[in-house]
Amino acid sequence: KHLHEARLFWNLKECDRNNDITSDS
């Protein structure tokens, strides 16, 4: 359960980071 939540959180953070990179580009 915890792992799933953590993975979701990481996924969201990674998505945001990716978005930031795209915006910079």
PDB file of N, CA and C in Angstrom:
ATOM      1  N   LYS A   1       0.855  -1.191   0.000  1.00  0.00           N
ATOM      2  CA  LYS A   1       0.000   0.000   0.000  1.00  0.00           C
ATOM      3  C   LYS A   1       0.901   1.256   0.000  1.00  0.00           C
ATOM      4  N   HIS A   2       1.811   1.292   0.943  1.00  0.00           N
ATOM      5  CA  HIS A   2       2.666   2.476   1.035  1.00  0.00           C
ATOM      6  C   HIS A   2       3.491   2.661  -0.237  1.00  0.00           C
ATOM      7  N   LEU A   3       3.982   1.527  -0.735  1.00  0.00           N
ATOM      8  CA  LEU A   3       4.815   1.588  -1.930  1.00  0.00           C
ATOM      9  C   LEU A   3       4.016   2.197  -3.093  1.00  0.00           C
ATOM     10  N   HIS A   4       2.782   1.742  -3.232  1.00  0.00           N
ATOM     11  CA  HIS A   4       1.948   2.252  -4.325  1.00  0.00           C
ATOM     12  C   HIS A   4       1.782   3.775  -4.198  1.00  0.00           C
ATOM     13  N   GLU A   5       1.512   4.227  -2.987  1.00  0.00           N
ATOM     14  CA  GLU A   5       1.316   5.665  -2.762  1.00  0.00           C
ATOM     15  C   GLU A   5       2.597   6.429  -3.107  1.00  0.00           C
ATOM     16  N   ALA A   6       3.703   5.880  -2.632  1.00  0.00           N
ATOM     17  CA  ALA A   6       4.993   6.533  -2.889  1.00  0.00           C
ATOM     18  C   ALA A   6       5.242   6.593  -4.393  1.00  0.00           C
ATOM     19  N   ARG A   7       4.947   5.488  -5.079  1.00  0.00           N
ATOM     20  CA  ARG A   7       5.176   5.452  -6.531  1.00  0.00           C
ATOM     21  C   ARG A   7       4.314   6.520  -7.213  1.00  0.00           C
ATOM     22  N   LEU A   8       3.075   6.638  -6.775  1.00  0.00           N
ATOM     23  CA  LEU A   8       2.178   7.617  -7.379  1.00  0.00           C
ATOM     24  C   LEU A   8       2.729   9.028  -7.159  1.00  0.00           C
ATOM     25  N   PHE A   9       3.183   9.263  -5.928  1.00  0.00           N
ATOM     26  CA  PHE A   9       3.744  10.573  -5.597  1.00  0.00           C
ATOM     27  C   PHE A   9       4.947  10.872  -6.477  1.00  0.00           C
ATOM     28  N   TRP A  10       5.826   9.866  -6.634  1.00  0.00           N
ATOM     29  CA  TRP A  10       7.030  10.050  -7.452  1.00  0.00           C
ATOM     30  C   TRP A  10       6.628  10.318  -8.892  1.00  0.00           C
ATOM     31  N   ASN A  11       5.631   9.574  -9.353  1.00  0.00           N
ATOM     32  CA  ASN A  11       5.180   9.726 -10.738  1.00  0.00           C
ATOM     33  C   ASN A  11       4.704  11.158 -10.958  1.00  0.00           C
ATOM     34  N   LEU A  12       3.943  11.669 -10.016  1.00  0.00           N
ATOM     35  CA  LEU A  12       3.414  13.028 -10.144  1.00  0.00           C
ATOM     36  C   LEU A  12       4.566  14.027 -10.162  1.00  0.00           C
ATOM     37  N   LYS A  13       5.511  13.822  -9.255  1.00  0.00           N
ATOM     38  CA  LYS A  13       6.653  14.733  -9.172  1.00  0.00           C
ATOM     39  C   LYS A  13       7.461  14.674 -10.474  1.00  0.00           C
ATOM     40  N   GLU A  14       7.647  13.454 -10.963  1.00  0.00           N
ATOM     41  CA  GLU A  14       8.426  13.293 -12.189  1.00  0.00           C
ATOM     42  C   GLU A  14       7.701  13.981 -13.346  1.00  0.00           C
ATOM     43  N   CYS A  15       6.388  13.829 -13.382  1.00  0.00           N
ATOM     44  CA  CYS A  15       5.588  14.442 -14.442  1.00  0.00           C
ATOM     45  C   CYS A  15       5.765  15.962 -14.390  1.00  0.00           C
ATOM     46  N   ASP A  16       5.688  16.502 -13.186  1.00  0.00           N
ATOM     47  CA  ASP A  16       5.834  17.943 -13.022  1.00  0.00           C
ATOM     48  C   ASP A  16       7.225  18.370 -13.494  1.00  0.00           C
ATOM     49  N   ARG A  17       8.226  17.562 -13.135  1.00  0.00           N
ATOM     50  CA  ARG A  17       9.602  17.888 -13.520  1.00  0.00           C
ATOM     51  C   ARG A  17       9.721  17.857 -15.045  1.00  0.00           C
ATOM     52  N   ASN A  18       9.121  16.848 -15.637  1.00  0.00           N
ATOM     53  CA  ASN A  18       9.181  16.715 -17.090  1.00  0.00           C
ATOM     54  C   ASN A  18       8.519  17.934 -17.729  1.00  0.00           C
ATOM     55  N   ASN A  19       7.408  18.349 -17.166  1.00  0.00           N
ATOM     56  CA  ASN A  19       6.684  19.502 -17.684  1.00  0.00           C
ATOM     57  C   ASN A  19       7.570  20.741 -17.604  1.00  0.00           C
ATOM     58  N   ASP A  20       8.275  20.855 -16.493  1.00  0.00           N
ATOM     59  CA  ASP A  20       9.150  22.006 -16.297  1.00  0.00           C
ATOM     60  C   ASP A  20      10.240  22.022 -17.379  1.00  0.00           C
ATOM     61  N   ILE A  21      10.779  20.844 -17.665  1.00  0.00           N
ATOM     62  CA  ILE A  21      11.828  20.741 -18.683  1.00  0.00           C
ATOM     63  C   ILE A  21      11.256  21.146 -20.042  1.00  0.00           C
ATOM     64  N   THR A  22      10.054  20.678 -20.323  1.00  0.00           N
ATOM     65  CA  THR A  22       9.433  20.998 -21.611  1.00  0.00           C
ATOM     66  C   THR A  22       9.218  22.508 -21.721  1.00  0.00           C
ATOM     67  N   SER A  23       8.783  23.103 -20.625  1.00  0.00           N
ATOM     68  CA  SER A  23       8.528  24.546 -20.621  1.00  0.00           C
ATOM     69  C   SER A  23       9.834  25.294 -20.870  1.00  0.00           C
ATOM     70  N   ASP A  24      10.899  24.810 -20.233  1.00  0.00           N
ATOM     71  CA  ASP A  24      12.194  25.460 -20.392  1.00  0.00           C
ATOM     72  C   ASP A  24      12.630  25.360 -21.847  1.00  0.00           C
ATOM     73  N   SER A  25      12.359  24.215 -22.448  1.00  0.00           N
ATOM     74  CA  SER A  25      12.753  23.985 -23.830  1.00  0.00           C
ATOM     75  C   SER A  25      11.869  24.799 -24.757  1.00  0.00           C
TER      76      SER A  25
END
